[in-house]
Amino acid sequence: MKFRIILMTFLCLCISNILISREYIIGFGSCIDQNFPQPIWDSIENENVDAFFFLGDNVYGDHPSGDLQKLKKSYSIQSTKFPKWLEDKKVISIWDDHDYGINDGGGDFINKRDSQKLFLDFWKIPTNDIRHERDGLYHNELINLDGFIINIIVLDTRFFRSRLNATKAPYLSNNNPTTTILGEKQWSWLESALTQEADLTLVLSSIQVLAKEHIFEKWNLFPHERSRLIDLLNSNQSKTIILSGDRHKGGLYEKGSLKELTSSSLNKPILAARLSRTLKVIPNSMQKQLIEMDSYLKTKIYNYENFGLIKIDTKNNQIEISLNDIDGNLIFSELI
């Protein structure tokens, strides 16, 4: 009898230890075209993720006129493409331009409120969620892992954003202090959201925050907004990681202690990358698309399908971030 009690106690302690030390795994990515094959889901499933974050361009439904019929059709198609196992995971999503409704669109998009409703309906956001009541899709959630708190802050970089200084790239920066990305209501909300105690803060931004040197959309098109965000995040007491998408490229960026992992695209690499798989030689103009440098880029840029992972070991207080290819192979990783 005594032996049974000792054995049962030992087994309970072992099971308890296994449960407590189990990793919590978050997958994330962006840019998934409903009309392209989506084999990457098999590799993501193999990672046994607990949650998946969609960082924007979750369908390609934008139209130059701003009409939303294409967006509605795109959502309808994509609803049949998601894997069944995703239904059992925690899903958090934010839009970017192609699921906002207009390419590189901002606050002047006339159909943005109708687009917001389509987004909320597609992602089955409960009707009592604040996003049904207010403009914009920004929100935050707390995840409690046996006392290890993750503060997930989801930014809306579309609904309130000022006009860009051109109709298409290359874009130039605009440091006029009256221009904005988030708008003052969202800024006020963000400052409050960051005061919540957490062991890890994850900031989801559809467009890149730290990158400065490419010619496409990024926070640095409004340098005063970028500086304001970086200063605010640096004042945060918890470890902070920015997650971004948009670029059809993946890479790790670093500015001081602030890190940003860009994961894009889930199934739609840039044309030069696609051609490089079938052609021995691609034109020089296209080869340039495969090369990108930035003073804050810590890794080589990755131009093919990819997804990101965050593995959180609460027992050992260890956080690992990584970028993985279409087959699940590791591209790079780093302990935070």
Protein backbone atom coordinates (compact mmCIF):
# COMPACT_ATOMS: atom_id res chain seq x y z
CA MET A 1 0.00 0.00 0.00
CA LYS A 2 2.81 2.37 0.96
CA PHE A 3 4.59 1.53 -2.29
CA ARG A 4 1.41 2.35 -4.27
CA ILE A 5 1.11 5.72 -2.56
CA ILE A 6 4.75 6.54 -3.29
CA LEU A 7 4.35 5.39 -6.91
CA MET A 8 1.16 7.41 -7.43
CA THR A 9 2.78 10.49 -5.87
CA PHE A 10 5.79 10.08 -8.15
CA LEU A 11 3.60 9.70 -11.24
CA CYS A 12 1.49 12.74 -10.33
CA LEU A 13 4.61 14.83 -9.85
CA CYS A 14 5.99 13.68 -13.20
CA ILE A 15 2.73 14.40 -15.01
CA SER A 16 2.43 17.77 -13.29
CA ASN A 17 5.99 18.63 -14.27
CA ILE A 18 5.34 17.65 -17.88
CA LEU A 19 2.21 19.79 -18.04
CA ILE A 20 3.85 22.82 -16.46
CA SER A 21 6.97 22.64 -18.63
CA ARG A 22 5.08 22.09 -21.90
CA GLU A 23 5.81 24.74 -24.51
CA TYR A 24 3.11 27.09 -25.66
CA ILE A 25 3.60 27.52 -29.40
CA ILE A 26 2.31 30.40 -31.49
CA GLY A 27 2.45 30.24 -35.27
CA PHE A 28 2.03 33.31 -37.42
CA GLY A 29 2.22 34.50 -41.00
CA SER A 30 0.70 36.75 -43.64
CA CYS A 31 -0.12 37.11 -47.31
CA ILE A 32 -2.19 34.11 -48.33
CA ASP A 33 -3.90 34.16 -51.70
CA GLN A 34 -7.18 32.26 -51.84
CA ASN A 35 -6.52 31.35 -55.48
CA PHE A 36 -3.11 29.74 -54.84
CA PRO A 37 -2.38 26.29 -53.37
CA GLN A 38 -1.79 26.30 -49.59
CA PRO A 39 0.48 23.31 -48.80
CA ILE A 40 2.22 25.18 -45.96
CA TRP A 41 -0.64 24.30 -43.58
CA ASP A 42 0.70 20.73 -43.34
CA SER A 43 4.03 21.97 -42.01
CA ILE A 44 2.34 24.32 -39.55
CA GLU A 45 0.14 21.48 -38.29
CA ASN A 46 3.25 19.39 -37.62
CA GLU A 47 4.45 22.08 -35.20
CA ASN A 48 1.42 21.43 -32.96
CA VAL A 49 0.76 25.13 -32.49
CA ASP A 50 -1.59 26.31 -29.76
CA ALA A 51 -2.46 29.53 -31.58
CA PHE A 52 -2.06 31.12 -34.99
CA PHE A 53 -1.84 34.83 -35.74
CA PHE A 54 -2.83 36.14 -39.19
CA LEU A 55 -0.88 39.36 -39.82
CA GLY A 56 -2.79 40.70 -42.82
CA ASP A 57 -3.46 40.12 -46.51
CA ASN A 58 -5.32 37.04 -45.33
CA VAL A 59 -7.17 37.10 -48.65
CA TYR A 60 -6.52 39.05 -51.85
CA GLY A 61 -9.79 40.86 -52.43
CA ASP A 62 -8.77 44.45 -53.12
CA HIS A 63 -10.06 46.32 -56.17
CA PRO A 64 -8.85 49.66 -57.59
CA SER A 65 -12.38 51.04 -57.42
CA GLY A 66 -12.76 50.10 -53.77
CA ASP A 67 -15.78 47.95 -54.60
CA LEU A 68 -16.10 45.09 -52.11
CA GLN A 69 -17.62 42.39 -54.30
CA LYS A 70 -14.21 40.87 -54.99
CA LEU A 71 -13.43 40.91 -51.26
CA LYS A 72 -16.69 39.09 -50.48
CA LYS A 73 -15.90 36.43 -53.09
CA SER A 74 -12.33 36.08 -51.80
CA TYR A 75 -13.55 35.46 -48.26
CA SER A 76 -16.00 32.88 -49.55
CA ILE A 77 -13.23 30.99 -51.34
CA GLN A 78 -10.75 31.18 -48.47
CA SER A 79 -13.33 29.86 -46.00
CA THR A 80 -13.07 26.52 -47.84
CA LYS A 81 -9.24 26.51 -47.81
CA PHE A 82 -8.48 26.71 -44.09
CA PRO A 83 -7.46 23.34 -42.61
CA LYS A 84 -9.91 21.67 -40.24
CA TRP A 85 -7.41 21.55 -37.37
CA LEU A 86 -7.25 25.35 -37.28
CA GLU A 87 -10.78 25.40 -35.82
CA ASP A 88 -9.40 24.00 -32.56
CA LYS A 89 -6.69 26.66 -32.18
CA LYS A 90 -6.75 30.18 -30.85
CA VAL A 91 -6.83 32.49 -33.87
CA ILE A 92 -6.04 36.20 -33.83
CA SER A 93 -6.15 38.26 -37.02
CA ILE A 94 -5.61 41.74 -38.36
CA TRP A 95 -6.03 43.09 -41.88
CA ASP A 96 -3.64 44.70 -44.31
CA ASP A 97 -4.43 46.39 -47.61
CA HIS A 98 -5.50 43.38 -49.69
CA ASP A 99 -8.13 42.33 -47.16
CA TYR A 100 -8.91 45.96 -46.34
CA GLY A 101 -10.29 46.40 -49.84
CA ILE A 102 -7.88 48.67 -51.71
CA ASN A 103 -4.16 48.42 -52.43
CA ASP A 104 -2.04 50.45 -49.96
CA GLY A 105 -5.30 51.93 -48.65
CA GLY A 106 -5.66 54.15 -45.61
CA GLY A 107 -8.15 56.24 -43.70
CA ASP A 108 -9.68 57.84 -46.80
CA PHE A 109 -11.05 54.50 -48.08
CA ILE A 110 -14.76 55.17 -48.46
CA ASN A 111 -15.87 51.56 -47.86
CA LYS A 112 -13.76 50.91 -44.77
CA ARG A 113 -16.69 50.43 -42.37
CA ASP A 114 -18.36 47.92 -44.68
CA SER A 115 -15.01 46.19 -45.05
CA GLN A 116 -14.66 46.05 -41.27
CA LYS A 117 -18.02 44.29 -41.02
CA LEU A 118 -16.95 41.74 -43.63
CA PHE A 119 -13.77 41.10 -41.66
CA LEU A 120 -15.61 40.62 -38.37
CA ASP A 121 -18.13 38.28 -39.96
CA PHE A 122 -15.47 36.21 -41.74
CA TRP A 123 -13.39 35.71 -38.60
CA LYS A 124 -16.53 35.02 -36.52
CA ILE A 125 -15.72 37.73 -33.98
CA PRO A 126 -18.40 37.52 -31.22
CA THR A 127 -21.05 40.22 -31.47
CA ASN A 128 -20.26 41.50 -27.96
CA ASP A 129 -16.66 42.27 -29.00
CA ILE A 130 -15.77 45.99 -28.89
CA ARG A 131 -14.66 45.84 -32.53
CA HIS A 132 -18.33 45.65 -33.53
CA GLU A 133 -18.96 48.96 -31.78
CA ARG A 134 -15.99 51.17 -32.67
CA ASP A 135 -14.05 52.15 -35.76
CA GLY A 136 -10.94 50.09 -36.48
CA LEU A 137 -9.86 46.56 -35.62
CA TYR A 138 -7.28 47.30 -32.93
CA HIS A 139 -7.61 45.24 -29.75
CA ASN A 140 -5.58 43.36 -27.18
CA GLU A 141 -5.85 40.05 -25.36
CA LEU A 142 -4.08 38.53 -22.38
CA ILE A 143 -3.07 34.87 -22.29
CA ASN A 144 -2.28 33.41 -18.87
CA LEU A 145 0.02 30.38 -18.98
CA ASP A 146 0.16 29.24 -15.36
CA GLY A 147 1.04 32.75 -14.27
CA PHE A 148 3.16 33.65 -17.30
CA ILE A 149 1.22 36.51 -18.94
CA ILE A 150 1.35 37.33 -22.65
CA ASN A 151 -0.08 40.69 -23.70
CA ILE A 152 -1.11 40.49 -27.35
CA ILE A 153 -1.54 43.94 -28.86
CA VAL A 154 -3.09 44.07 -32.33
CA LEU A 155 -2.65 47.34 -34.22
CA ASP A 156 -4.81 48.64 -37.06
CA THR A 157 -2.48 50.36 -39.53
CA ARG A 158 -5.20 51.01 -42.13
CA PHE A 159 -8.41 52.54 -40.80
CA PHE A 160 -6.91 55.83 -39.54
CA ARG A 161 -3.77 56.17 -41.65
CA SER A 162 -3.09 59.43 -43.47
CA ARG A 163 -2.65 59.51 -47.24
CA LEU A 164 0.65 58.38 -48.70
CA ASN A 165 2.63 60.86 -50.76
CA ALA A 166 2.26 58.94 -54.03
CA THR A 167 -0.22 56.61 -55.68
CA LYS A 168 2.29 53.74 -55.77
CA ALA A 169 5.83 52.87 -54.68
CA PRO A 170 8.42 54.26 -54.40
CA TYR A 171 6.98 56.16 -51.44
CA LEU A 172 8.79 58.96 -49.62
CA SER A 173 8.60 59.67 -45.90
CA ASN A 174 6.28 62.36 -44.57
CA ASN A 175 7.28 63.85 -41.23
CA ASN A 176 4.38 66.29 -41.04
CA PRO A 177 3.24 65.95 -37.39
CA THR A 178 -0.41 66.24 -38.43
CA THR A 179 -0.18 62.92 -40.32
CA THR A 180 -0.74 59.61 -38.57
CA ILE A 181 -0.82 55.84 -38.83
CA LEU A 182 -2.86 54.96 -35.76
CA GLY A 183 -4.95 58.07 -35.09
CA GLU A 184 -5.18 59.62 -31.63
CA LYS A 185 -7.92 57.30 -30.29
CA GLN A 186 -5.86 54.24 -31.12
CA TRP A 187 -2.72 55.86 -29.69
CA SER A 188 -4.54 56.56 -26.43
CA TRP A 189 -5.80 52.97 -26.32
CA LEU A 190 -2.29 51.62 -27.04
CA GLU A 191 -0.72 53.59 -24.21
CA SER A 192 -3.30 52.14 -21.84
CA ALA A 193 -2.96 48.58 -23.19
CA LEU A 194 0.79 48.64 -22.58
CA THR A 195 0.33 49.42 -18.87
CA GLN A 196 -1.03 45.94 -18.23
CA GLU A 197 1.47 43.73 -16.42
CA ALA A 198 2.90 40.99 -18.60
CA ASP A 199 5.95 38.79 -18.97
CA LEU A 200 5.89 39.06 -22.76
CA THR A 201 4.30 41.64 -25.05
CA LEU A 202 3.60 40.74 -28.68
CA VAL A 203 2.79 43.68 -30.95
CA LEU A 204 1.10 42.74 -34.23
CA SER A 205 1.58 45.28 -37.02
CA SER A 206 0.63 44.43 -40.58
CA ILE A 207 3.40 46.71 -41.95
CA GLN A 208 7.02 46.73 -40.84
CA VAL A 209 8.06 48.95 -37.95
CA LEU A 210 11.86 48.82 -37.82
CA ALA A 211 12.81 48.55 -41.51
CA LYS A 212 13.75 51.91 -43.00
CA GLU A 213 15.43 51.45 -46.37
CA HIS A 214 13.01 49.77 -48.79
CA ILE A 215 10.64 51.85 -50.96
CA PHE A 216 7.35 50.19 -49.98
CA GLU A 217 4.86 50.70 -47.17
CA LYS A 218 6.36 50.81 -43.69
CA TRP A 219 6.08 52.81 -40.48
CA ASN A 220 9.01 54.96 -41.55
CA LEU A 221 6.83 56.64 -44.18
CA PHE A 222 5.65 58.56 -41.10
CA PRO A 223 8.90 58.82 -39.10
CA HIS A 224 7.32 60.72 -36.20
CA GLU A 225 4.81 57.87 -35.75
CA ARG A 226 7.56 55.26 -35.92
CA SER A 227 9.64 57.09 -33.31
CA ARG A 228 6.61 57.47 -31.07
CA LEU A 229 5.87 53.75 -31.26
CA ILE A 230 9.47 52.68 -30.67
CA ASP A 231 9.81 55.02 -27.67
CA LEU A 232 6.56 53.70 -26.23
CA LEU A 233 7.58 50.06 -26.66
CA ASN A 234 11.02 50.72 -25.17
CA SER A 235 9.34 52.14 -22.08
CA ASN A 236 7.41 48.90 -21.65
CA GLN A 237 8.74 46.78 -18.78
CA SER A 238 8.17 43.35 -20.35
CA LYS A 239 10.05 41.65 -23.16
CA THR A 240 8.57 42.96 -26.39
CA ILE A 241 8.53 41.42 -29.86
CA ILE A 242 6.97 42.99 -32.97
CA LEU A 243 5.37 40.63 -35.49
CA SER A 244 4.78 41.96 -39.01
CA GLY A 245 3.96 40.77 -42.52
CA ASP A 246 3.14 42.47 -45.84
CA ARG A 247 6.48 42.17 -47.64
CA HIS A 248 6.42 38.69 -49.24
CA LYS A 249 9.77 38.32 -47.52
CA GLY A 250 10.86 37.14 -44.09
CA GLY A 251 13.57 38.42 -41.78
CA LEU A 252 14.59 39.37 -38.26
CA TYR A 253 15.12 43.06 -37.46
CA GLU A 254 16.65 44.52 -34.33
CA LYS A 255 16.95 48.01 -32.85
CA GLY A 256 18.51 47.97 -29.40
CA SER A 257 16.57 45.45 -27.33
CA LEU A 258 13.53 45.67 -29.63
CA LYS A 259 13.11 42.81 -32.09
CA GLU A 260 10.79 42.43 -35.06
CA LEU A 261 10.12 39.20 -36.91
CA THR A 262 8.56 39.61 -40.34
CA SER A 263 6.86 36.52 -41.79
CA SER A 264 5.50 36.73 -45.33
CA SER A 265 4.27 35.04 -47.50
CA LEU A 266 2.37 31.89 -46.59
CA ASN A 267 1.75 30.97 -50.23
CA LYS A 268 2.61 33.89 -52.52
CA PRO A 269 6.35 34.61 -52.86
CA ILE A 270 7.46 37.49 -55.05
CA LEU A 271 7.55 36.75 -58.80
CA ALA A 272 11.36 36.62 -58.93
CA ALA A 273 11.37 33.91 -56.27
CA ARG A 274 8.77 31.89 -58.13
CA LEU A 275 10.68 32.18 -61.41
CA SER A 276 13.96 31.22 -59.75
CA ARG A 277 12.50 27.78 -59.10
CA THR A 278 11.91 27.05 -62.77
CA LEU A 279 14.47 29.16 -64.64
CA LYS A 280 18.24 28.75 -64.50
CA VAL A 281 18.72 32.44 -65.14
CA ILE A 282 16.31 35.28 -64.36
CA PRO A 283 16.65 38.88 -65.60
CA ASN A 284 18.93 41.19 -63.61
CA SER A 285 16.01 43.48 -62.84
CA MET A 286 14.25 40.58 -61.14
CA GLN A 287 17.37 39.37 -59.36
CA LYS A 288 17.41 42.70 -57.55
CA GLN A 289 14.04 41.80 -56.03
CA LEU A 290 15.73 38.91 -54.19
CA ILE A 291 18.31 41.15 -52.51
CA GLU A 292 17.43 43.47 -49.67
CA MET A 293 19.55 45.21 -47.07
CA ASP A 294 18.61 47.32 -44.09
CA SER A 295 20.63 48.72 -41.22
CA TYR A 296 18.24 46.97 -38.80
CA LEU A 297 18.07 43.65 -40.65
CA LYS A 298 19.89 41.03 -38.58
CA THR A 299 19.42 38.01 -40.87
CA LYS A 300 19.50 37.48 -44.60
CA ILE A 301 16.18 38.25 -46.24
CA TYR A 302 14.17 35.14 -47.11
CA ASN A 303 12.12 35.33 -50.32
CA TYR A 304 10.11 32.11 -50.35
CA GLU A 305 7.05 30.76 -48.50
CA ASN A 306 7.50 30.90 -44.76
CA PHE A 307 5.81 31.01 -41.36
CA GLY A 308 6.97 32.20 -37.96
CA LEU A 309 6.95 30.46 -34.60
CA ILE A 310 7.20 31.63 -31.00
CA LYS A 311 7.91 28.84 -28.49
CA ILE A 312 7.38 29.81 -24.86
CA ASP A 313 8.77 27.61 -22.09
CA THR A 314 7.29 29.16 -18.97
CA LYS A 315 9.08 26.81 -16.57
CA ASN A 316 12.52 27.90 -17.75
CA ASN A 317 11.36 31.40 -18.74
CA GLN A 318 12.71 30.82 -22.24
CA ILE A 319 11.33 32.27 -25.47
CA GLU A 320 12.47 31.15 -28.91
CA ILE A 321 11.44 32.86 -32.14
CA SER A 322 12.03 31.34 -35.55
CA LEU A 323 11.24 31.53 -39.24
CA ASN A 324 10.48 28.28 -41.07
CA ASP A 325 10.15 27.36 -44.72
CA ILE A 326 7.27 25.74 -46.57
CA ASP A 327 8.41 22.26 -45.46
CA GLY A 328 8.86 23.32 -41.84
CA ASN A 329 12.66 23.47 -42.06
CA LEU A 330 14.32 26.05 -39.84
CA ILE A 331 15.54 29.18 -41.64
CA PHE A 332 16.79 30.90 -38.48
CA SER A 333 15.98 31.06 -34.79
CA GLU A 334 16.91 33.14 -31.78
CA LEU A 335 16.43 32.92 -28.03
CA ILE A 336 14.92 36.04 -26.47
